[in-house]
C-alpha atoms as a PDB file:
ATOM      1  CA  MET A   1      18.652   1.068 -26.716  1.00  0.00           C
ATOM      2  CA  ASP A   2      16.173   2.181 -24.040  1.00  0.00           C
ATOM      3  CA  PHE A   3      16.982  -0.612 -21.600  1.00  0.00           C
ATOM      4  CA  LEU A   4      15.347   1.066 -18.603  1.00  0.00           C
ATOM      5  CA  GLN A   5      12.240   1.961 -20.617  1.00  0.00           C
ATOM      6  CA  LEU A   6      12.144   5.379 -18.971  1.00  0.00           C
ATOM      7  CA  ALA A   7      11.996   7.481 -22.138  1.00  0.00           C
ATOM      8  CA  GLY A   8       8.952   9.729 -21.983  1.00  0.00           C
ATOM      9  CA  LYS A   9       8.174   8.797 -18.388  1.00  0.00           C
ATOM     10  CA  ARG A  10       7.305  11.706 -16.103  1.00  0.00           C
ATOM     11  CA  ILE A  11       9.090  11.673 -12.747  1.00  0.00           C
ATOM     12  CA  LEU A  12       8.527  13.995  -9.789  1.00  0.00           C
ATOM     13  CA  ILE A  13      11.658  14.575  -7.664  1.00  0.00           C
ATOM     14  CA  PHE A  14      11.604  16.092  -4.184  1.00  0.00           C
ATOM     15  CA  GLY A  15      14.669  17.290  -2.325  1.00  0.00           C
ATOM     16  CA  VAL A  16      17.291  18.847  -4.583  1.00  0.00           C
ATOM     17  CA  ALA A  17      19.621  21.104  -2.596  1.00  0.00           C
ATOM     18  CA  ASN A  18      22.679  21.367  -4.860  1.00  0.00           C
ATOM     19  CA  ARG A  19      24.896  19.388  -7.243  1.00  0.00           C
ATOM     20  CA  LYS A  20      25.885  16.958  -4.488  1.00  0.00           C
ATOM     21  CA  SER A  21      22.305  15.959  -3.725  1.00  0.00           C
ATOM     22  CA  VAL A  22      21.084  12.439  -4.394  1.00  0.00           C
ATOM     23  CA  ALA A  23      17.989  14.088  -5.851  1.00  0.00           C
ATOM     24  CA  TYR A  24      20.030  16.148  -8.295  1.00  0.00           C
ATOM     25  CA  GLN A  25      22.132  13.196  -9.447  1.00  0.00           C
ATOM     26  CA  THR A  26      18.974  11.129  -9.849  1.00  0.00           C
ATOM     27  CA  GLY A  27      17.455  13.812 -12.032  1.00  0.00           C
ATOM     28  CA  LYS A  28      20.529  13.808 -14.275  1.00  0.00           C
ATOM     29  CA  VAL A  29      20.403  10.011 -14.670  1.00  0.00           C
ATOM     30  CA  LEU A  30      16.699  10.139 -15.507  1.00  0.00           C
ATOM     31  CA  GLU A  31      17.152  12.927 -18.020  1.00  0.00           C
ATOM     32  CA  GLU A  32      19.932  10.939 -19.704  1.00  0.00           C
ATOM     33  CA  ALA A  33      17.476   8.037 -19.945  1.00  0.00           C
ATOM     34  CA  GLY A  34      14.962  10.278 -21.715  1.00  0.00           C
ATOM     35  CA  ALA A  35      12.583  10.827 -18.800  1.00  0.00           C
ATOM     36  CA  GLU A  36      10.716  14.089 -18.186  1.00  0.00           C
ATOM     37  CA  VAL A  37      11.777  15.346 -14.768  1.00  0.00           C
ATOM     38  CA  ILE A  38       9.783  17.742 -12.589  1.00  0.00           C
ATOM     39  CA  TYR A  39      11.502  19.096  -9.497  1.00  0.00           C
ATOM     40  CA  VAL A  40       9.966  20.173  -6.197  1.00  0.00           C
ATOM     41  CA  VAL A  41      11.946  22.224  -3.666  1.00  0.00           C
ATOM     42  CA  ARG A  42      11.023  23.528  -0.234  1.00  0.00           C
ATOM     43  CA  SER A  43      11.165  27.303  -0.748  1.00  0.00           C
ATOM     44  CA  GLU A  44      11.048  30.064  -3.307  1.00  0.00           C
ATOM     45  CA  ALA A  45      14.613  30.990  -2.391  1.00  0.00           C
ATOM     46  CA  ARG A  46      15.731  27.436  -3.159  1.00  0.00           C
ATOM     47  CA  ARG A  47      13.926  27.537  -6.497  1.00  0.00           C
ATOM     48  CA  GLU A  48      15.724  30.755  -7.421  1.00  0.00           C
ATOM     49  CA  SER A  49      19.124  29.367  -6.415  1.00  0.00           C
ATOM     50  CA  LEU A  50      18.575  26.167  -8.426  1.00  0.00           C
ATOM     51  CA  SER A  51      17.012  27.696 -11.534  1.00  0.00           C
ATOM     52  CA  LYS A  52      20.319  27.843 -13.422  1.00  0.00           C
ATOM     53  CA  LEU A  53      21.467  24.432 -12.191  1.00  0.00           C
ATOM     54  CA  LEU A  54      18.255  22.715 -13.271  1.00  0.00           C
ATOM     55  CA  LYS A  55      18.127  24.723 -16.499  1.00  0.00           C
ATOM     56  CA  HIS A  56      14.757  24.531 -18.216  1.00  0.00           C
ATOM     57  CA  ALA A  57      13.160  21.850 -16.042  1.00  0.00           C
ATOM     58  CA  PRO A  58       9.959  22.848 -14.253  1.00  0.00           C
ATOM     59  CA  ILE A  59      10.472  23.598 -10.545  1.00  0.00           C
ATOM     60  CA  PHE A  60       7.628  23.726  -8.050  1.00  0.00           C
ATOM     61  CA  VAL A  61       7.749  24.839  -4.416  1.00  0.00           C
ATOM     62  CA  CYS A  62       6.367  22.864  -1.485  1.00  0.00           C
ATOM     63  CA  ASP A  63       7.299  22.831   2.184  1.00  0.00           C
ATOM     64  CA  VAL A  64       6.196  19.352   3.259  1.00  0.00           C
ATOM     65  CA  GLU A  65       5.740  20.460   6.878  1.00  0.00           C
ATOM     66  CA  HIS A  66       2.536  22.156   5.753  1.00  0.00           C
ATOM     67  CA  GLN A  67      -0.309  19.981   4.493  1.00  0.00           C
ATOM     68  CA  GLN A  68      -1.925  22.869   2.666  1.00  0.00           C
ATOM     69  CA  GLU A  69       1.208  23.267   0.544  1.00  0.00           C
ATOM     70  CA  ILE A  70       1.171  19.560  -0.292  1.00  0.00           C
ATOM     71  CA  ASP A  71      -2.475  19.793  -1.311  1.00  0.00           C
ATOM     72  CA  GLN A  72      -1.815  22.873  -3.421  1.00  0.00           C
ATOM     73  CA  LEU A  73       1.125  21.176  -5.112  1.00  0.00           C
ATOM     74  CA  ALA A  74      -0.988  18.167  -6.027  1.00  0.00           C
ATOM     75  CA  THR A  75      -3.630  20.489  -7.475  1.00  0.00           C
ATOM     76  CA  ASP A  76      -1.075  22.470  -9.468  1.00  0.00           C
ATOM     77  CA  ILE A  77       0.608  19.336 -10.836  1.00  0.00           C
ATOM     78  CA  SER A  78      -2.710  17.707 -11.780  1.00  0.00           C
ATOM     79  CA  GLN A  79      -3.746  20.817 -13.697  1.00  0.00           C
ATOM     80  CA  GLN A  80      -0.635  20.610 -15.870  1.00  0.00           C
ATOM     81  CA  TYR A  81      -0.048  16.862 -16.173  1.00  0.00           C
ATOM     82  CA  ASP A  82      -2.396  13.955 -16.658  1.00  0.00           C
ATOM     83  CA  VAL A  83      -0.191  11.282 -15.096  1.00  0.00           C
ATOM     84  CA  ILE A  84       2.981  10.889 -13.020  1.00  0.00           C
ATOM     85  CA  HIS A  85       4.955   7.699 -13.595  1.00  0.00           C
ATOM     86  CA  GLY A  86       7.299   8.004 -10.643  1.00  0.00           C
ATOM     87  CA  LEU A  87       7.985   9.923  -7.462  1.00  0.00           C
ATOM     88  CA  VAL A  88      11.366  10.310  -5.749  1.00  0.00           C
ATOM     89  CA  HIS A  89      11.328  11.270  -2.067  1.00  0.00           C
ATOM     90  CA  SER A  90      14.795  12.517  -1.088  1.00  0.00           C
ATOM     91  CA  ILE A  91      13.833  14.627   1.903  1.00  0.00           C
ATOM     92  CA  ALA A  92      15.435  14.571   5.347  1.00  0.00           C
ATOM     93  CA  PHE A  93      15.892  17.116   8.083  1.00  0.00           C
ATOM     94  CA  ALA A  94      17.141  17.073  11.660  1.00  0.00           C
ATOM     95  CA  ASP A  95      17.650  20.044  13.940  1.00  0.00           C
ATOM     96  CA  TYR A  96      21.030  19.627  15.606  1.00  0.00           C
ATOM     97  CA  SER A  97      21.122  23.216  16.870  1.00  0.00           C
ATOM     98  CA  ALA A  98      21.161  21.951  20.470  1.00  0.00           C
ATOM     99  CA  GLY A  99      24.510  20.316  19.722  1.00  0.00           C
ATOM    100  CA  TRP A 100      25.433  16.672  20.079  1.00  0.00           C
ATOM    101  CA  LEU A 101      23.416  14.962  22.789  1.00  0.00           C
ATOM    102  CA  PRO A 102      23.187  11.341  23.937  1.00  0.00           C
ATOM    103  CA  PHE A 103      20.153   9.692  22.338  1.00  0.00           C
ATOM    104  CA  HIS A 104      18.197   9.548  25.593  1.00  0.00           C
ATOM    105  CA  GLN A 105      18.413  13.349  25.791  1.00  0.00           C
ATOM    106  CA  THR A 106      16.906  13.887  22.335  1.00  0.00           C
ATOM    107  CA  PRO A 107      14.627  16.970  22.390  1.00  0.00           C
ATOM    108  CA  ARG A 108      11.017  15.952  21.821  1.00  0.00           C
ATOM    109  CA  ALA A 109      10.287  18.796  19.405  1.00  0.00           C
ATOM    110  CA  ALA A 110      13.361  18.066  17.290  1.00  0.00           C
ATOM    111  CA  PHE A 111      12.549  14.364  17.066  1.00  0.00           C
ATOM    112  CA  LEU A 112       8.919  14.917  16.102  1.00  0.00           C
ATOM    113  CA  GLN A 113       9.880  17.516  13.496  1.00  0.00           C
ATOM    114  CA  ALA A 114      12.399  15.083  11.993  1.00  0.00           C
ATOM    115  CA  VAL A 115       9.732  12.361  11.820  1.00  0.00           C
ATOM    116  CA  ASP A 116       7.290  14.769  10.190  1.00  0.00           C
ATOM    117  CA  ILE A 117       9.695  16.010   7.507  1.00  0.00           C
ATOM    118  CA  SER A 118      11.848  12.932   6.922  1.00  0.00           C
ATOM    119  CA  CYS A 119       9.255  10.186   7.276  1.00  0.00           C
ATOM    120  CA  PHE A 120       5.603  11.218   7.353  1.00  0.00           C
ATOM    121  CA  SER A 121       6.063  13.466   4.328  1.00  0.00           C
ATOM    122  CA  LEU A 122       6.372  10.321   2.190  1.00  0.00           C
ATOM    123  CA  THR A 123       2.931   9.146   3.301  1.00  0.00           C
ATOM    124  CA  ALA A 124       1.437  12.606   2.886  1.00  0.00           C
ATOM    125  CA  LEU A 125       2.853  13.002  -0.637  1.00  0.00           C
ATOM    126  CA  SER A 126       1.861   9.501  -1.669  1.00  0.00           C
ATOM    127  CA  ASN A 127      -1.693  10.152  -0.553  1.00  0.00           C
ATOM    128  CA  ALA A 128      -1.819  13.518  -2.305  1.00  0.00           C
ATOM    129  CA  PHE A 129      -0.647  11.989  -5.596  1.00  0.00           C
ATOM    130  CA  SER A 130      -2.446   8.653  -5.292  1.00  0.00           C
ATOM    131  CA  GLN A 131      -4.850   9.456  -8.134  1.00  0.00           C
ATOM    132  CA  LEU A 132      -2.159  10.899 -10.400  1.00  0.00           C
ATOM    133  CA  LEU A 133       0.397   8.091 -10.135  1.00  0.00           C
ATOM    134  CA  ASP A 134       0.266   5.605 -13.008  1.00  0.00           C
ATOM    135  CA  PRO A 135      -1.816   2.744 -11.515  1.00  0.00           C
ATOM    136  CA  GLU A 136      -0.151   0.093 -13.695  1.00  0.00           C
ATOM    137  CA  GLN A 137       3.538   1.022 -13.627  1.00  0.00           C
ATOM    138  CA  GLY A 138       3.850   3.776 -11.044  1.00  0.00           C
ATOM    139  CA  SER A 139       6.866   3.655  -8.746  1.00  0.00           C
ATOM    140  CA  VAL A 140       7.739   5.573  -5.591  1.00  0.00           C
ATOM    141  CA  VAL A 141      11.319   5.557  -4.270  1.00  0.00           C
ATOM    142  CA  THR A 142      12.622   7.081  -1.068  1.00  0.00           C
ATOM    143  CA  ILE A 143      16.177   7.502   0.207  1.00  0.00           C
ATOM    144  CA  SER A 144      16.962   5.766   3.482  1.00  0.00           C
ATOM    145  CA  ILE A 145      20.286   4.620   5.012  1.00  0.00           C
ATOM    146  CA  SER A 146      22.208   1.350   4.778  1.00  0.00           C
ATOM    147  CA  THR A 147      21.314   0.237   8.292  1.00  0.00           C
ATOM    148  CA  THR A 148      19.140   1.541  11.101  1.00  0.00           C
ATOM    149  CA  ARG A 149      20.533  -1.055  13.508  1.00  0.00           C
ATOM    150  CA  MET A 150      24.024   0.429  13.814  1.00  0.00           C
ATOM    151  CA  ALA A 151      23.867   2.837  16.740  1.00  0.00           C
ATOM    152  CA  ALA A 152      26.245   5.492  15.418  1.00  0.00           C
ATOM    153  CA  GLU A 153      26.423   8.082  18.190  1.00  0.00           C
ATOM    154  CA  ASN A 154      26.982  11.058  15.920  1.00  0.00           C
ATOM    155  CA  TYR A 155      23.928  10.231  13.793  1.00  0.00           C
ATOM    156  CA  GLY A 156      21.765  11.049  16.780  1.00  0.00           C
ATOM    157  CA  TYR A 157      18.080  10.302  16.432  1.00  0.00           C
ATOM    158  CA  MET A 158      17.895  10.068  12.626  1.00  0.00           C
ATOM    159  CA  ALA A 159      18.378   6.295  12.461  1.00  0.00           C
ATOM    160  CA  PRO A 160      15.112   5.651  14.363  1.00  0.00           C
ATOM    161  CA  VAL A 161      13.438   8.159  12.047  1.00  0.00           C
ATOM    162  CA  LYS A 162      14.786   6.315   9.002  1.00  0.00           C
ATOM    163  CA  ALA A 163      13.602   3.040  10.548  1.00  0.00           C
ATOM    164  CA  ALA A 164      10.100   4.486  10.594  1.00  0.00           C
ATOM    165  CA  LEU A 165      10.570   5.487   6.948  1.00  0.00           C
ATOM    166  CA  ASP A 166      11.633   1.938   6.050  1.00  0.00           C
ATOM    167  CA  SER A 167       8.558   0.537   7.756  1.00  0.00           C
ATOM    168  CA  SER A 168       6.320   3.067   6.005  1.00  0.00           C
ATOM    169  CA  ILE A 169       7.472   1.651   2.663  1.00  0.00           C
ATOM    170  CA  CYS A 170       5.925  -1.714   3.541  1.00  0.00           C
ATOM    171  CA  PHE A 171       2.652  -0.244   4.699  1.00  0.00           C
ATOM    172  CA  LEU A 172       2.327   2.101   1.717  1.00  0.00           C
ATOM    173  CA  ALA A 173       2.983  -0.746  -0.705  1.00  0.00           C
ATOM    174  CA  LYS A 174       0.276  -2.825   0.960  1.00  0.00           C
ATOM    175  CA  SER A 175      -2.179   0.056   1.155  1.00  0.00           C
ATOM    176  CA  PHE A 176      -1.769   1.042  -2.506  1.00  0.00           C
ATOM    177  CA  SER A 177      -2.090  -2.596  -3.614  1.00  0.00           C
ATOM    178  CA  ASN A 178      -5.794  -2.392  -2.814  1.00  0.00           C
ATOM    179  CA  PHE A 179      -6.395  -0.154  -5.841  1.00  0.00           C
ATOM    180  CA  SER A 180      -3.231  -0.082  -7.972  1.00  0.00           C
ATOM    181  CA  LYS A 181       0.090  -1.703  -8.870  1.00  0.00           C
ATOM    182  CA  VAL A 182       2.149   1.269  -7.694  1.00  0.00           C
ATOM    183  CA  ARG A 183       5.374   0.044  -6.102  1.00  0.00           C
ATOM    184  CA  PHE A 184       7.186   1.487  -3.087  1.00  0.00           C
ATOM    185  CA  ASN A 185      10.870   0.902  -2.420  1.00  0.00           C
ATOM    186  CA  ALA A 186      13.810   2.501  -0.628  1.00  0.00           C
ATOM    187  CA  VAL A 187      17.397   2.943  -1.702  1.00  0.00           C
ATOM    188  CA  CYS A 188      19.619   2.606   1.357  1.00  0.00           C
ATOM    189  CA  PRO A 189      23.110   4.006   0.764  1.00  0.00           C
ATOM    190  CA  GLY A 190      26.155   3.933   2.957  1.00  0.00           C
ATOM    191  CA  LEU A 191      27.907   7.179   3.837  1.00  0.00           C
ATOM    192  CA  LEU A 192      27.929   9.779   1.044  1.00  0.00           C
ATOM    193  CA  LYS A 193      29.520  13.151   0.382  1.00  0.00           C
ATOM    194  CA  THR A 194      26.453  15.386   0.441  1.00  0.00           C
ATOM    195  CA  SER A 195      25.705  18.788   1.903  1.00  0.00           C
ATOM    196  CA  ALA A 196      23.132  17.205   4.235  1.00  0.00           C
ATOM    197  CA  SER A 197      25.793  14.880   5.622  1.00  0.00           C
ATOM    198  CA  ALA A 198      28.082  17.819   6.335  1.00  0.00           C
ATOM    199  CA  GLY A 199      25.705  18.923   9.079  1.00  0.00           C
ATOM    200  CA  ILE A 200      26.219  15.712  11.070  1.00  0.00           C
ATOM    201  CA  PRO A 201      28.797  16.123  13.865  1.00  0.00           C
ATOM    202  CA  GLY A 202      31.952  14.083  13.226  1.00  0.00           C
ATOM    203  CA  TYR A 203      30.709  12.897   9.860  1.00  0.00           C
ATOM    204  CA  VAL A 204      34.049  13.156   8.060  1.00  0.00           C
ATOM    205  CA  ASP A 205      35.708  10.665  10.405  1.00  0.00           C
ATOM    206  CA  SER A 206      32.802   8.251   9.986  1.00  0.00           C
ATOM    207  CA  TYR A 207      32.949   8.661   6.204  1.00  0.00           C
ATOM    208  CA  LEU A 208      36.669   7.858   6.121  1.00  0.00           C
ATOM    209  CA  PHE A 209      36.118   4.787   8.279  1.00  0.00           C
ATOM    210  CA  ALA A 210      33.262   3.627   6.050  1.00  0.00           C
ATOM    211  CA  GLU A 211      35.493   3.965   3.009  1.00  0.00           C
ATOM    212  CA  LYS A 212      38.087   1.679   4.601  1.00  0.00           C
ATOM    213  CA  ALA A 213      35.360  -0.807   5.500  1.00  0.00           C
ATOM    214  CA  THR A 214      34.045  -1.240   1.956  1.00  0.00           C
ATOM    215  CA  LEU A 215      35.280  -4.287   0.101  1.00  0.00           C
ATOM    216  CA  ARG A 216      36.709  -2.112  -2.668  1.00  0.00           C
ATOM    217  CA  LYS A 217      38.267   0.485  -0.305  1.00  0.00           C
ATOM    218  CA  GLU A 218      36.340   3.181  -2.091  1.00  0.00           C
ATOM    219  CA  ALA A 219      33.325   5.048  -0.745  1.00  0.00           C
ATOM    220  CA  VAL A 220      29.878   4.796  -2.257  1.00  0.00           C
ATOM    221  CA  GLN A 221      29.309   7.461  -4.903  1.00  0.00           C
ATOM    222  CA  THR A 222      26.134   9.501  -5.127  1.00  0.00           C
ATOM    223  CA  ARG A 223      25.840   8.577  -8.804  1.00  0.00           C
ATOM    224  CA  GLU A 224      25.662   4.895  -7.818  1.00  0.00           C
ATOM    225  CA  VAL A 225      22.706   5.666  -5.593  1.00  0.00           C
ATOM    226  CA  ALA A 226      21.037   7.625  -8.389  1.00  0.00           C
ATOM    227  CA  ASP A 227      21.516   4.721 -10.809  1.00  0.00           C
ATOM    228  CA  THR A 228      19.707   2.414  -8.394  1.00  0.00           C
ATOM    229  CA  VAL A 229      16.864   4.885  -7.939  1.00  0.00           C
ATOM    230  CA  ALA A 230      16.447   5.067 -11.714  1.00  0.00           C
ATOM    231  CA  PHE A 231      16.314   1.271 -11.927  1.00  0.00           C
ATOM    232  CA  LEU A 232      13.628   1.088  -9.239  1.00  0.00           C
ATOM    233  CA  LEU A 233      11.590   3.698 -11.101  1.00  0.00           C
ATOM    234  CA  SER A 234      11.791   1.735 -14.326  1.00  0.00           C
ATOM    235  CA  PRO A 235       9.556  -1.117 -15.506  1.00  0.00           C
ATOM    236  CA  ARG A 236      12.711  -3.282 -15.469  1.00  0.00           C
ATOM    237  CA  SER A 237      12.316  -3.546 -11.692  1.00  0.00           C
ATOM    238  CA  SER A 238       8.626  -4.469 -11.830  1.00  0.00           C
ATOM    239  CA  GLY A 239       9.076  -7.467  -9.509  1.00  0.00           C
ATOM    240  CA  ILE A 240      10.617  -5.399  -6.712  1.00  0.00           C
ATOM    241  CA  ASN A 241       8.165  -3.961  -4.204  1.00  0.00           C
ATOM    242  CA  SER A 242       8.259  -3.099  -0.505  1.00  0.00           C
ATOM    243  CA  GLN A 243      12.047  -3.470  -0.359  1.00  0.00           C
ATOM    244  CA  GLY A 244      15.121  -1.569   0.786  1.00  0.00           C
ATOM    245  CA  ILE A 245      18.059  -1.923  -1.590  1.00  0.00           C
ATOM    246  CA  VAL A 246      21.362  -1.456   0.262  1.00  0.00           C
ATOM    247  CA  ILE A 247      24.138   0.366  -1.605  1.00  0.00           C
ATOM    248  CA  ASP A 248      27.182   0.127   0.649  1.00  0.00           C
ATOM    249  CA  ALA A 249      29.918  -1.467  -1.515  1.00  0.00           C
ATOM    250  CA  GLY A 250      29.973  -4.463   0.820  1.00  0.00           C
ATOM    251  CA  MET A 251      30.656  -2.483   3.986  1.00  0.00           C
ATOM    252  CA  GLY A 252      28.033  -4.369   5.973  1.00  0.00           C
ATOM    253  CA  THR A 253      29.932  -7.642   5.525  1.00  0.00           C
ATOM    254  CA  ASN A 254      33.432  -6.295   6.087  1.00  0.00           C
ATOM    255  CA  TYR A 255      33.658  -4.851   9.591  1.00  0.00           C
ATOM    256  CA  PHE A 256      36.422  -7.331  10.459  1.00  0.00           C
ATOM    257  CA  ASP A 257      38.604  -6.356   7.530  1.00  0.00           C
ATOM    258  CA  LYS A 258      42.167  -7.243   8.499  1.00  0.00           C
ATOM    259  CA  GLU A 259      43.486  -3.774   7.707  1.00  0.00           C
ATOM    260  CA  ILE A 260      40.958  -2.121  10.014  1.00  0.00           C
ATOM    261  CA  VAL A 261      41.544  -4.677  12.765  1.00  0.00           C
ATOM    262  CA  SER A 262      45.330  -4.347  12.508  1.00  0.00           C
ATOM    263  CA  GLU A 263      45.069  -0.595  13.097  1.00  0.00           C
ATOM    264  CA  GLN A 264      43.692  -1.301  16.552  1.00  0.00           C
ATOM    265  CA  THR A 265      46.546  -3.578  17.645  1.00  0.00           C
END
């Protein structure tokens, strides 16, 4: 039974890095549901390294820092496909090469680059594909974080960047509603085991704490995030628009878990 009604749907996925990526796991879930998945990576070297992993799926290259590459991608995709039913934006980047710094010392260039790649790219891609997205059932999903209000020191300036991404979802949904029914939503996971996370200073300790703080005492799995992305891409979620769906296994309601509190006494 095709419960998700994704069979035959064509989905564009940005951001695969390796097997641990949310984007990769999402692609696997979609393929299992019968969808046609098209991948977009940031460099030719990345395409070569992923060619075996992604098997026979089409892989395009686009560095979203460059508008001309976005425009060229949209042209190339439109020449090969008549419609795109969904777009997954799983792109984030922060330059921590300066080391850990207090937030007020955030380098201007690093912050603006992170906003450009991690946030504005969603708007740029949505605009580029606005005429190719299915106007009746099109769905765009981005990957955010479970909360942008928790000032985790080691996450640096990325939470404010993700907050801008969350806000962009609302404005894109409103903007597209003037000419289509394309929906925009975010999946907002708690801490995950991904290669991107590995670059965050002190992430392992935060991950282990988050696992203790979940109601089930088990960390959020990347596959669980991918399942939610697939649902938001499907017609089964047609009533959900301009939302952020938190996937944190109850962590946000369990900070005063007795086991965690007792460890401090």
